[in-house]
PDB file of N, CA and C in Angstrom:
ATOM      1  N   MET A   1     156.493 124.636 104.367  1.00  0.00           N
ATOM      2  CA  MET A   1     157.047 125.655 105.474  1.00  0.00           C
ATOM      3  C   MET A   1     156.145 125.206 106.412  1.00  0.00           C
ATOM      4  N   LYS A   2     156.824 125.022 107.317  1.00  0.00           N
ATOM      5  CA  LYS A   2     155.974 124.984 108.906  1.00  0.00           C
ATOM      6  C   LYS A   2     155.509 126.216 109.647  1.00  0.00           C
ATOM      7  N   PRO A   3     154.328 125.976 110.384  1.00  0.00           N
ATOM      8  CA  PRO A   3     153.083 126.455 110.741  1.00  0.00           C
ATOM      9  C   PRO A   3     153.586 126.871 112.072  1.00  0.00           C
ATOM     10  N   TYR A   4     153.576 128.579 111.931  1.00  0.00           N
ATOM     11  CA  TYR A   4     154.399 129.501 113.146  1.00  0.00           C
ATOM     12  C   TYR A   4     152.791 129.799 113.872  1.00  0.00           C
ATOM     13  N   LYS A   5     152.850 129.952 114.972  1.00  0.00           N
ATOM     14  CA  LYS A   5     151.858 131.009 115.972  1.00  0.00           C
ATOM     15  C   LYS A   5     152.276 131.887 116.386  1.00  0.00           C
ATOM     16  N   ASN A   6     151.402 132.653 116.760  1.00  0.00           N
ATOM     17  CA  ASN A   6     152.155 133.532 117.810  1.00  0.00           C
ATOM     18  C   ASN A   6     152.659 133.069 119.072  1.00  0.00           C
ATOM     19  N   LYS A   7     153.558 133.463 119.667  1.00  0.00           N
ATOM     20  CA  LYS A   7     153.961 133.196 120.872  1.00  0.00           C
ATOM     21  C   LYS A   7     153.175 133.127 121.891  1.00  0.00           C
ATOM     22  N   ILE A   8     152.805 134.095 122.368  1.00  0.00           N
ATOM     23  CA  ILE A   8     151.345 134.273 123.444  1.00  0.00           C
ATOM     24  C   ILE A   8     150.564 133.110 123.303  1.00  0.00           C
ATOM     25  N   ASN A   9     150.014 133.388 122.101  1.00  0.00           N
ATOM     26  CA  ASN A   9     148.779 132.661 121.640  1.00  0.00           C
ATOM     27  C   ASN A   9     149.512 131.292 122.386  1.00  0.00           C
ATOM     28  N   ARG A  10     150.403 131.143 121.622  1.00  0.00           N
ATOM     29  CA  ARG A  10     150.983 129.539 121.640  1.00  0.00           C
ATOM     30  C   ARG A  10     150.986 128.938 123.315  1.00  0.00           C
ATOM     31  N   ILE A  11     151.388 130.012 124.404  1.00  0.00           N
ATOM     32  CA  ILE A  11     151.992 129.463 125.444  1.00  0.00           C
ATOM     33  C   ILE A  11     150.430 129.270 126.046  1.00  0.00           C
ATOM     34  N   ARG A  12     149.181 130.376 126.067  1.00  0.00           N
ATOM     35  CA  ARG A  12     148.203 130.346 126.415  1.00  0.00           C
ATOM     36  C   ARG A  12     147.195 129.063 126.105  1.00  0.00           C
ATOM     37  N   SER A  13     147.598 128.290 124.753  1.00  0.00           N
ATOM     38  CA  SER A  13     147.281 127.093 124.107  1.00  0.00           C
ATOM     39  C   SER A  13     147.394 126.298 125.025  1.00  0.00           C
ATOM     40  N   PHE A  14     148.974 126.300 125.481  1.00  0.00           N
ATOM     41  CA  PHE A  14     149.170 125.191 126.414  1.00  0.00           C
ATOM     42  C   PHE A  14     148.346 125.352 127.869  1.00  0.00           C
ATOM     43  N   ALA A  15     148.383 126.395 128.464  1.00  0.00           N
ATOM     44  CA  ALA A  15     147.394 126.035 129.519  1.00  0.00           C
ATOM     45  C   ALA A  15     146.172 125.800 129.398  1.00  0.00           C
ATOM     46  N   LEU A  16     145.504 126.310 128.481  1.00  0.00           N
ATOM     47  CA  LEU A  16     144.590 125.642 128.245  1.00  0.00           C
ATOM     48  C   LEU A  16     144.603 124.245 127.857  1.00  0.00           C
ATOM     49  N   GLY A  17     145.556 123.393 127.326  1.00  0.00           N
ATOM     50  CA  GLY A  17     145.759 122.197 127.186  1.00  0.00           C
ATOM     51  C   GLY A  17     145.906 121.403 128.685  1.00  0.00           C
ATOM     52  N   LEU A  18     146.504 122.267 129.643  1.00  0.00           N
ATOM     53  CA  LEU A  18     146.791 121.370 130.985  1.00  0.00           C
ATOM     54  C   LEU A  18     145.345 121.624 131.975  1.00  0.00           C
ATOM     55  N   ILE A  19     144.887 122.422 131.517  1.00  0.00           N
ATOM     56  CA  ILE A  19     143.613 122.326 132.313  1.00  0.00           C
ATOM     57  C   ILE A  19     142.855 121.160 131.947  1.00  0.00           C
ATOM     58  N   PHE A  20     142.495 120.677 130.247  1.00  0.00           N
ATOM     59  CA  PHE A  20     141.782 120.041 129.474  1.00  0.00           C
ATOM     60  C   PHE A  20     142.144 118.399 130.634  1.00  0.00           C
ATOM     61  N   PHE A  21     143.767 118.754 130.407  1.00  0.00           N
ATOM     62  CA  PHE A  21     144.121 117.624 130.986  1.00  0.00           C
ATOM     63  C   PHE A  21     144.161 117.027 132.421  1.00  0.00           C
ATOM     64  N   GLY A  22     144.212 118.306 133.230  1.00  0.00           N
ATOM     65  CA  GLY A  22     143.675 118.260 134.382  1.00  0.00           C
ATOM     66  C   GLY A  22     142.556 117.705 134.610  1.00  0.00           C
ATOM     67  N   PHE A  23     140.984 117.954 133.909  1.00  0.00           N
ATOM     68  CA  PHE A  23     140.493 117.299 134.152  1.00  0.00           C
ATOM     69  C   PHE A  23     139.886 115.745 133.572  1.00  0.00           C
ATOM     70  N   ILE A  24     140.629 115.541 132.417  1.00  0.00           N
ATOM     71  CA  ILE A  24     140.520 114.074 132.269  1.00  0.00           C
ATOM     72  C   ILE A  24     140.932 113.157 133.019  1.00  0.00           C
ATOM     73  N   ILE A  25     142.546 113.533 133.447  1.00  0.00           N
ATOM     74  CA  ILE A  25     142.898 113.340 135.023  1.00  0.00           C
ATOM     75  C   ILE A  25     141.903 112.926 136.154  1.00  0.00           C
ATOM     76  N   MET A  26     141.548 114.224 136.150  1.00  0.00           N
ATOM     77  CA  MET A  26     140.110 113.357 137.419  1.00  0.00           C
ATOM     78  C   MET A  26     139.323 112.934 137.310  1.00  0.00           C
ATOM     79  N   TYR A  27     138.480 113.233 136.026  1.00  0.00           N
ATOM     80  CA  TYR A  27     137.789 112.461 135.545  1.00  0.00           C
ATOM     81  C   TYR A  27     138.154 110.631 135.687  1.00  0.00           C
ATOM     82  N   GLY A  28     139.444 110.563 135.016  1.00  0.00           N
ATOM     83  CA  GLY A  28     139.487 109.017 135.028  1.00  0.00           C
ATOM     84  C   GLY A  28     139.843 108.351 136.369  1.00  0.00           C
ATOM     85  N   ALA A  29     139.606 109.091 137.450  1.00  0.00           N
ATOM     86  CA  ALA A  29     139.483 108.654 139.067  1.00  0.00           C
ATOM     87  C   ALA A  29     137.918 108.033 139.267  1.00  0.00           C
ATOM     88  N   ILE A  30     137.022 107.924 138.274  1.00  0.00           N
ATOM     89  CA  ILE A  30     135.847 107.511 138.380  1.00  0.00           C
ATOM     90  C   ILE A  30     135.986 105.653 138.133  1.00  0.00           C
ATOM     91  N   PHE A  31     136.887 105.278 137.595  1.00  0.00           N
ATOM     92  CA  PHE A  31     137.114 103.954 137.064  1.00  0.00           C
ATOM     93  C   PHE A  31     137.427 103.158 138.374  1.00  0.00           C
ATOM     94  N   PHE A  32     138.585 104.119 139.461  1.00  0.00           N
ATOM     95  CA  PHE A  32     138.908 103.689 140.252  1.00  0.00           C
ATOM     96  C   PHE A  32     137.931 104.386 141.893  1.00  0.00           C
ATOM     97  N   ARG A  33     136.906 103.722 141.340  1.00  0.00           N
ATOM     98  CA  ARG A  33     136.288 104.129 142.857  1.00  0.00           C
ATOM     99  C   ARG A  33     136.323 103.371 143.685  1.00  0.00           C
ATOM    100  N   GLU A  34     136.374 102.201 144.299  1.00  0.00           N
ATOM    101  CA  GLU A  34     136.426 101.622 145.086  1.00  0.00           C
ATOM    102  C   GLU A  34     137.633 101.324 145.787  1.00  0.00           C
ATOM    103  N   ASN A  35     139.046 102.237 145.140  1.00  0.00           N
ATOM    104  CA  ASN A  35     140.281 102.769 145.923  1.00  0.00           C
ATOM    105  C   ASN A  35     140.507 103.846 146.053  1.00  0.00           C
ATOM    106  N   PRO A  36     140.121 104.330 147.533  1.00  0.00           N
ATOM    107  CA  PRO A  36     140.482 105.473 147.498  1.00  0.00           C
ATOM    108  C   PRO A  36     141.389 106.608 147.865  1.00  0.00           C
ATOM    109  N   ILE A  37     142.882 105.155 147.339  1.00  0.00           N
ATOM    110  CA  ILE A  37     143.807 105.846 147.579  1.00  0.00           C
ATOM    111  C   ILE A  37     144.541 106.446 146.013  1.00  0.00           C
ATOM    112  N   LEU A  38     144.203 105.593 145.276  1.00  0.00           N
ATOM    113  CA  LEU A  38     144.348 105.766 143.393  1.00  0.00           C
ATOM    114  C   LEU A  38     143.249 107.621 143.052  1.00  0.00           C
ATOM    115  N   VAL A  39     142.426 107.215 143.929  1.00  0.00           N
ATOM    116  CA  VAL A  39     141.201 108.291 143.452  1.00  0.00           C
ATOM    117  C   VAL A  39     141.478 109.167 143.928  1.00  0.00           C
ATOM    118  N   THR A  40     142.590 109.365 145.331  1.00  0.00           N
ATOM    119  CA  THR A  40     143.153 110.368 145.646  1.00  0.00           C
ATOM    120  C   THR A  40     144.463 110.863 144.640  1.00  0.00           C
ATOM    121  N   ILE A  41     145.263 109.713 144.349  1.00  0.00           N
ATOM    122  CA  ILE A  41     146.323 110.210 142.959  1.00  0.00           C
ATOM    123  C   ILE A  41     145.803 111.061 142.095  1.00  0.00           C
ATOM    124  N   PHE A  42     144.354 110.599 141.824  1.00  0.00           N
ATOM    125  CA  PHE A  42     144.026 111.139 140.373  1.00  0.00           C
ATOM    126  C   PHE A  42     143.467 112.353 140.556  1.00  0.00           C
ATOM    127  N   MET A  43     142.830 112.626 141.754  1.00  0.00           N
ATOM    128  CA  MET A  43     142.478 113.888 141.889  1.00  0.00           C
ATOM    129  C   MET A  43     143.983 114.769 142.005  1.00  0.00           C
ATOM    130  N   THR A  44     144.466 114.368 142.898  1.00  0.00           N
ATOM    131  CA  THR A  44     145.875 115.815 143.097  1.00  0.00           C
ATOM    132  C   THR A  44     146.359 115.870 142.305  1.00  0.00           C
ATOM    133  N   LEU A  45     146.738 114.737 141.282  1.00  0.00           N
ATOM    134  CA  LEU A  45     147.677 115.155 139.674  1.00  0.00           C
ATOM    135  C   LEU A  45     146.553 116.097 138.852  1.00  0.00           C
ATOM    136  N   GLY A  46     145.432 115.598 139.045  1.00  0.00           N
ATOM    137  CA  GLY A  46     144.366 116.811 137.820  1.00  0.00           C
ATOM    138  C   GLY A  46     144.372 118.058 138.464  1.00  0.00           C
ATOM    139  N   LEU A  47     144.740 118.051 139.974  1.00  0.00           N
ATOM    140  CA  LEU A  47     144.329 119.539 140.473  1.00  0.00           C
ATOM    141  C   LEU A  47     145.822 120.427 140.335  1.00  0.00           C
ATOM    142  N   LEU A  48     146.760 119.875 140.447  1.00  0.00           N
ATOM    143  CA  LEU A  48     148.501 119.899 140.121  1.00  0.00           C
ATOM    144  C   LEU A  48     148.393 120.704 138.538  1.00  0.00           C
ATOM    145  N   SER A  49     148.017 120.090 138.013  1.00  0.00           N
ATOM    146  CA  SER A  49     147.915 120.093 136.511  1.00  0.00           C
ATOM    147  C   SER A  49     146.735 121.790 136.179  1.00  0.00           C
ATOM    148  N   ILE A  50     145.887 121.731 137.420  1.00  0.00           N
ATOM    149  CA  ILE A  50     145.048 122.998 136.976  1.00  0.00           C
ATOM    150  C   ILE A  50     145.687 124.148 137.727  1.00  0.00           C
ATOM    151  N   ILE A  51     146.592 124.122 138.623  1.00  0.00           N
ATOM    152  CA  ILE A  51     147.453 125.197 139.524  1.00  0.00           C
ATOM    153  C   ILE A  51     148.436 125.298 138.598  1.00  0.00           C
ATOM    154  N   GLY A  52     148.765 124.149 138.002  1.00  0.00           N
ATOM    155  CA  GLY A  52     150.341 124.699 136.944  1.00  0.00           C
ATOM    156  C   GLY A  52     149.435 125.273 135.946  1.00  0.00           C
ATOM    157  N   SER A  53     148.499 125.219 135.267  1.00  0.00           N
ATOM    158  CA  SER A  53     147.943 126.285 133.898  1.00  0.00           C
ATOM    159  C   SER A  53     147.692 127.716 134.460  1.00  0.00           C
ATOM    160  N   THR A  54     147.306 127.653 135.868  1.00  0.00           N
ATOM    161  CA  THR A  54     146.946 129.197 136.350  1.00  0.00           C
ATOM    162  C   THR A  54     148.503 129.708 136.689  1.00  0.00           C
ATOM    163  N   ALA A  55     149.364 128.984 136.699  1.00  0.00           N
ATOM    164  CA  ALA A  55     150.743 129.325 137.060  1.00  0.00           C
ATOM    165  C   ALA A  55     151.184 130.018 136.055  1.00  0.00           C
ATOM    166  N   VAL A  56     151.140 129.471 134.829  1.00  0.00           N
ATOM    167  CA  VAL A  56     151.419 129.411 133.464  1.00  0.00           C
ATOM    168  C   VAL A  56     150.497 130.500 132.798  1.00  0.00           C
ATOM    169  N   TYR A  57     149.318 130.748 132.984  1.00  0.00           N
ATOM    170  CA  TYR A  57     148.741 131.930 132.470  1.00  0.00           C
ATOM    171  C   TYR A  57     149.108 133.175 133.504  1.00  0.00           C
ATOM    172  N   GLY A  58     148.978 133.359 134.248  1.00  0.00           N
ATOM    173  CA  GLY A  58     150.030 133.833 135.176  1.00  0.00           C
ATOM    174  C   GLY A  58     151.134 134.645 134.541  1.00  0.00           C
ATOM    175  N   TRP A  59     152.217 133.829 134.279  1.00  0.00           N
ATOM    176  CA  TRP A  59     153.360 134.323 133.983  1.00  0.00           C
ATOM    177  C   TRP A  59     153.280 135.063 132.406  1.00  0.00           C
ATOM    178  N   ILE A  60     152.160 134.344 131.676  1.00  0.00           N
ATOM    179  CA  ILE A  60     151.957 134.848 130.506  1.00  0.00           C
ATOM    180  C   ILE A  60     151.526 135.952 130.292  1.00  0.00           C
ATOM    181  N   GLY A  61     150.838 136.688 131.435  1.00  0.00           N
ATOM    182  CA  GLY A  61     150.476 137.816 131.726  1.00  0.00           C
ATOM    183  C   GLY A  61     151.099 138.975 131.699  1.00  0.00           C
ATOM    184  N   LEU A  62     151.681 138.451 132.953  1.00  0.00           N
ATOM    185  CA  LEU A  62     153.396 139.281 133.436  1.00  0.00           C
ATOM    186  C   LEU A  62     153.831 139.434 131.742  1.00  0.00           C
ATOM    187  N   LEU A  63     154.724 138.613 130.741  1.00  0.00           N
ATOM    188  CA  LEU A  63     155.062 138.777 129.534  1.00  0.00           C
ATOM    189  C   LEU A  63     154.258 139.699 129.099  1.00  0.00           C
ATOM    190  N   SER A  64     153.239 138.906 128.682  1.00  0.00           N
ATOM    191  CA  SER A  64     152.595 139.910 128.157  1.00  0.00           C
ATOM    192  C   SER A  64     152.302 141.400 128.204  1.00  0.00           C
ATOM    193  N   THR A  65     152.224 142.043 129.534  1.00  0.00           N
ATOM    194  CA  THR A  65     152.604 143.528 129.700  1.00  0.00           C
ATOM    195  C   THR A  65     154.139 144.054 129.163  1.00  0.00           C
ATOM    196  N   ARG A  66     155.159 143.254 128.581  1.00  0.00           N
ATOM    197  CA  ARG A  66     155.782 143.926 128.497  1.00  0.00           C
ATOM    198  C   ARG A  66     155.828 143.863 127.195  1.00  0.00           C
ATOM    199  N   ALA A  67     155.153 143.166 126.417  1.00  0.00           N
ATOM    200  CA  ALA A  67     155.477 143.102 124.783  1.00  0.00           C
ATOM    201  C   ALA A  67     155.045 144.368 124.170  1.00  0.00           C
ATOM    202  N   VAL A  68     155.608 144.555 122.982  1.00  0.00           N
ATOM    203  CA  VAL A  68     155.385 145.622 122.432  1.00  0.00           C
ATOM    204  C   VAL A  68     154.468 145.724 121.478  1.00  0.00           C
ATOM    205  N   GLN A  69     153.507 146.608 121.737  1.00  0.00           N
ATOM    206  CA  GLN A  69     152.036 147.117 120.775  1.00  0.00           C
ATOM    207  C   GLN A  69     152.203 147.573 119.464  1.00  0.00           C
ATOM    208  N   VAL A  70     151.675 146.741 118.341  1.00  0.00           N
ATOM    209  CA  VAL A  70     151.832 147.577 117.114  1.00  0.00           C
ATOM    210  C   VAL A  70     150.546 147.193 116.534  1.00  0.00           C
ATOM    211  N   VAL A  71     150.607 147.923 115.091  1.00  0.00           N
ATOM    212  CA  VAL A  71     149.525 147.794 114.041  1.00  0.00           C
ATOM    213  C   VAL A  71     149.901 146.851 113.099  1.00  0.00           C
ATOM    214  N   CYS A  72     149.901 145.779 112.730  1.00  0.00           N
ATOM    215  CA  CYS A  72     149.828 144.669 111.485  1.00  0.00           C
ATOM    216  C   CYS A  72     149.666 145.533 110.332  1.00  0.00           C
ATOM    217  N   PRO A  73     150.519 145.683 109.633  1.00  0.00           N
ATOM    218  CA  PRO A  73     150.424 146.278 108.537  1.00  0.00           C
ATOM    219  C   PRO A  73     149.949 145.587 107.118  1.00  0.00           C
ATOM    220  N   ASN A  74     149.771 144.130 107.395  1.00  0.00           N
ATOM    221  CA  ASN A  74     148.829 143.519 106.589  1.00  0.00           C
ATOM    222  C   ASN A  74     147.344 143.522 106.970  1.00  0.00           C
ATOM    223  N   CYS A  75     147.048 143.435 108.083  1.00  0.00           N
ATOM    224  CA  CYS A  75     145.702 143.233 108.465  1.00  0.00           C
ATOM    225  C   CYS A  75     144.851 144.689 109.392  1.00  0.00           C
ATOM    226  N   GLY A  76     146.195 145.045 109.185  1.00  0.00           N
ATOM    227  CA  GLY A  76     145.486 146.819 110.507  1.00  0.00           C
ATOM    228  C   GLY A  76     145.068 146.739 111.913  1.00  0.00           C
ATOM    229  N   LYS A  77     144.981 145.405 112.626  1.00  0.00           N
ATOM    230  CA  LYS A  77     144.722 144.934 113.896  1.00  0.00           C
ATOM    231  C   LYS A  77     145.639 145.627 114.532  1.00  0.00           C
ATOM    232  N   HIS A  78     145.539 145.469 115.977  1.00  0.00           N
ATOM    233  CA  HIS A  78     146.846 145.742 116.874  1.00  0.00           C
ATOM    234  C   HIS A  78     146.765 144.322 117.388  1.00  0.00           C
ATOM    235  N   THR A  79     148.247 144.053 117.515  1.00  0.00           N
ATOM    236  CA  THR A  79     148.918 142.756 118.184  1.00  0.00           C
ATOM    237  C   THR A  79     150.097 143.232 118.366  1.00  0.00           C
ATOM    238  N   LYS A  80     150.812 141.904 119.472  1.00  0.00           N
ATOM    239  CA  LYS A  80     151.541 142.230 120.422  1.00  0.00           C
ATOM    240  C   LYS A  80     153.085 141.427 119.517  1.00  0.00           C
ATOM    241  N   VAL A  81     153.935 142.114 119.685  1.00  0.00           N
ATOM    242  CA  VAL A  81     155.123 141.329 119.540  1.00  0.00           C
ATOM    243  C   VAL A  81     156.263 141.153 120.836  1.00  0.00           C
ATOM    244  N   LEU A  82     156.732 140.076 120.670  1.00  0.00           N
ATOM    245  CA  LEU A  82     157.056 139.498 121.759  1.00  0.00           C
ATOM    246  C   LEU A  82     158.701 138.951 120.977  1.00  0.00           C
ATOM    247  N   GLY A  83     159.813 139.930 121.898  1.00  0.00           N
ATOM    248  CA  GLY A  83     160.906 139.196 121.041  1.00  0.00           C
ATOM    249  C   GLY A  83     161.427 139.938 119.942  1.00  0.00           C
ATOM    250  N   ARG A  84     162.218 139.376 119.054  1.00  0.00           N
ATOM    251  CA  ARG A  84     162.586 140.291 117.921  1.00  0.00           C
ATOM    252  C   ARG A  84     161.377 139.981 116.943  1.00  0.00           C
ATOM    253  N   VAL A  85     161.036 138.428 116.757  1.00  0.00           N
ATOM    254  CA  VAL A  85     160.451 138.336 115.661  1.00  0.00           C
ATOM    255  C   VAL A  85     158.844 137.668 115.970  1.00  0.00           C
ATOM    256  N   ASP A  86     158.215 138.344 115.460  1.00  0.00           N
ATOM    257  CA  ASP A  86     156.404 137.174 116.027  1.00  0.00           C
ATOM    258  C   ASP A  86     155.611 136.759 114.893  1.00  0.00           C
ATOM    259  N   MET A  87     154.564 136.757 115.305  1.00  0.00           N
ATOM    260  CA  MET A  87     153.933 136.381 114.104  1.00  0.00           C
ATOM    261  C   MET A  87     152.485 137.999 114.579  1.00  0.00           C
ATOM    262  N   CYS A  88     151.764 138.255 113.559  1.00  0.00           N
ATOM    263  CA  CYS A  88     150.542 138.844 114.005  1.00  0.00           C
ATOM    264  C   CYS A  88     149.186 137.800 114.814  1.00  0.00           C
ATOM    265  N   MET A  89     148.720 137.855 115.469  1.00  0.00           N
ATOM    266  CA  MET A  89     147.788 137.243 115.904  1.00  0.00           C
ATOM    267  C   MET A  89     146.876 136.899 115.008  1.00  0.00           C
ATOM    268  N   TYR A  90     146.263 137.592 114.462  1.00  0.00           N
ATOM    269  CA  TYR A  90     145.371 137.626 113.417  1.00  0.00           C
ATOM    270  C   TYR A  90     145.730 136.732 112.107  1.00  0.00           C
ATOM    271  N   CYS A  91     146.400 137.395 111.487  1.00  0.00           N
ATOM    272  CA  CYS A  91     146.223 137.101 109.898  1.00  0.00           C
ATOM    273  C   CYS A  91     148.149 136.393 109.879  1.00  0.00           C
ATOM    274  N   LYS A  92     148.474 136.014 111.186  1.00  0.00           N
ATOM    275  CA  LYS A  92     149.834 135.269 110.763  1.00  0.00           C
ATOM    276  C   LYS A  92     151.180 135.543 109.733  1.00  0.00           C
ATOM    277  N   GLU A  93     150.978 136.997 110.284  1.00  0.00           N
ATOM    278  CA  GLU A  93     152.213 137.807 109.168  1.00  0.00           C
ATOM    279  C   GLU A  93     153.250 137.765 110.096  1.00  0.00           C
ATOM    280  N   PRO A  94     154.824 137.704 109.579  1.00  0.00           N
ATOM    281  CA  PRO A  94     155.740 138.076 110.342  1.00  0.00           C
ATOM    282  C   PRO A  94     155.875 139.548 111.074  1.00  0.00           C
ATOM    283  N   LEU A  95     156.236 139.610 111.782  1.00  0.00           N
ATOM    284  CA  LEU A  95     156.846 141.024 112.148  1.00  0.00           C
ATOM    285  C   LEU A  95     158.027 141.166 112.904  1.00  0.00           C
ATOM    286  N   THR A  96     158.334 142.102 113.085  1.00  0.00           N
ATOM    287  CA  THR A  96     159.463 141.988 113.805  1.00  0.00           C
ATOM    288  C   THR A  96     160.197 143.831 113.918  1.00  0.00           C
ATOM    289  N   LEU A  97     160.896 143.766 114.963  1.00  0.00           N
ATOM    290  CA  LEU A  97     160.834 145.657 115.383  1.00  0.00           C
ATOM    291  C   LEU A  97     162.417 145.961 115.259  1.00  0.00           C
ATOM    292  N   ASP A  98     162.876 144.563 114.678  1.00  0.00           N
ATOM    293  CA  ASP A  98     164.500 144.430 114.662  1.00  0.00           C
ATOM    294  C   ASP A  98     164.748 144.872 112.867  1.00  0.00           C
ATOM    295  N   PRO A  99     165.453 146.393 112.512  1.00  0.00           N
ATOM    296  CA  PRO A  99     165.647 146.948 111.067  1.00  0.00           C
ATOM    297  C   PRO A  99     166.682 145.594 110.579  1.00  0.00           C
ATOM    298  N   ALA A 100     167.531 144.958 111.006  1.00  0.00           N
ATOM    299  CA  ALA A 100     168.418 144.672 110.378  1.00  0.00           C
ATOM    300  C   ALA A 100     168.000 143.050 110.199  1.00  0.00           C
ATOM    301  N   LEU A 101     166.541 142.881 110.714  1.00  0.00           N
ATOM    302  CA  LEU A 101     166.160 141.603 110.283  1.00  0.00           C
ATOM    303  C   LEU A 101     165.034 141.889 109.546  1.00  0.00           C
ATOM    304  N   GLU A 102     164.971 142.521 108.935  1.00  0.00           N
ATOM    305  CA  GLU A 102     163.697 143.002 107.950  1.00  0.00           C
ATOM    306  C   GLU A 102     164.255 142.705 106.714  1.00  0.00           C
ATOM    307  N   GLY A 103     162.894 141.448 105.889  1.00  0.00           N
ATOM    308  CA  GLY A 103     163.403 141.288 104.607  1.00  0.00           C
ATOM    309  C   GLY A 103     163.978 139.661 104.806  1.00  0.00           C
ATOM    310  N   GLN A 104     164.232 139.590 106.032  1.00  0.00           N
ATOM    311  CA  GLN A 104     164.709 137.953 105.950  1.00  0.00           C
ATOM    312  C   GLN A 104     163.628 136.926 105.807  1.00  0.00           C
ATOM    313  N   GLU A 105     164.284 135.593 105.786  1.00  0.00           N
ATOM    314  CA  GLU A 105     162.657 134.658 105.496  1.00  0.00           C
ATOM    315  C   GLU A 105     163.074 134.938 107.526  1.00  0.00           C
ATOM    316  N   PHE A 106     161.218 134.580 107.303  1.00  0.00           N
ATOM    317  CA  PHE A 106     160.623 134.069 109.057  1.00  0.00           C
ATOM    318  C   PHE A 106     161.171 133.069 109.454  1.00  0.00           C
ATOM    319  N   ASP A 107     161.836 133.201 110.806  1.00  0.00           N
ATOM    320  CA  ASP A 107     162.316 132.146 111.482  1.00  0.00           C
ATOM    321  C   ASP A 107     162.327 132.074 113.256  1.00  0.00           C
ATOM    322  N   GLN A 108     162.070 131.394 113.956  1.00  0.00           N
ATOM    323  CA  GLN A 108     161.933 131.461 115.462  1.00  0.00           C
ATOM    324  C   GLN A 108     162.929 131.710 115.701  1.00  0.00           C
ATOM    325  N   SER A 109     164.081 131.129 115.332  1.00  0.00           N
ATOM    326  CA  SER A 109     165.635 130.834 115.844  1.00  0.00           C
ATOM    327  C   SER A 109     166.105 132.379 115.495  1.00  0.00           C
ATOM    328  N   LEU A 110     165.468 133.015 114.377  1.00  0.00           N
ATOM    329  CA  LEU A 110     165.812 134.750 114.783  1.00  0.00           C
ATOM    330  C   LEU A 110     165.993 135.812 116.171  1.00  0.00           C
ATOM    331  N   ASN A 111     164.944 134.877 117.322  1.00  0.00           N
ATOM    332  CA  ASN A 111     164.603 135.179 118.496  1.00  0.00           C
ATOM    333  C   ASN A 111     165.748 135.651 119.542  1.00  0.00           C
ATOM    334  N   ARG A 112     166.580 134.080 119.470  1.00  0.00           N
ATOM    335  CA  ARG A 112     167.847 133.889 120.074  1.00  0.00           C
ATOM    336  C   ARG A 112     168.867 134.810 119.480  1.00  0.00           C
ATOM    337  N   LYS A 113     169.925 135.524 120.276  1.00  0.00           N
ATOM    338  CA  LYS A 113     171.058 136.432 120.063  1.00  0.00           C
ATOM    339  C   LYS A 113     171.950 135.389 119.964  1.00  0.00           C
ATOM    340  N   LYS A 114     172.610 135.723 118.897  1.00  0.00           N
ATOM    341  CA  LYS A 114     174.105 135.030 118.643  1.00  0.00           C
ATOM    342  C   LYS A 114     175.252 135.361 119.067  1.00  0.00           C
TER     343      LYS A 114
END
């Protein structure tokens, strides 16, 4: 079985990875201290990565406002459902708001309309 993650958490994890990637690139500039052009390139790429992360965080924040907040039937905590099917952020319970999909095997491809 393929491990699934909540869509909102998956995108937030990607944005956090961009921040770490940007910092690693910036620290890589230390190895090229003698060449100011390479230092500038590394610092610029790192900064662009961090700016990209900020854009992704802003985008997922906007997406999160249109997600439907539900109470998970398994753990009883409030979670957000984005799309037709999603996972609980806490206990990974498959959730759907579409009665036609209830009882089906959980698959991310169910979010695509056929």
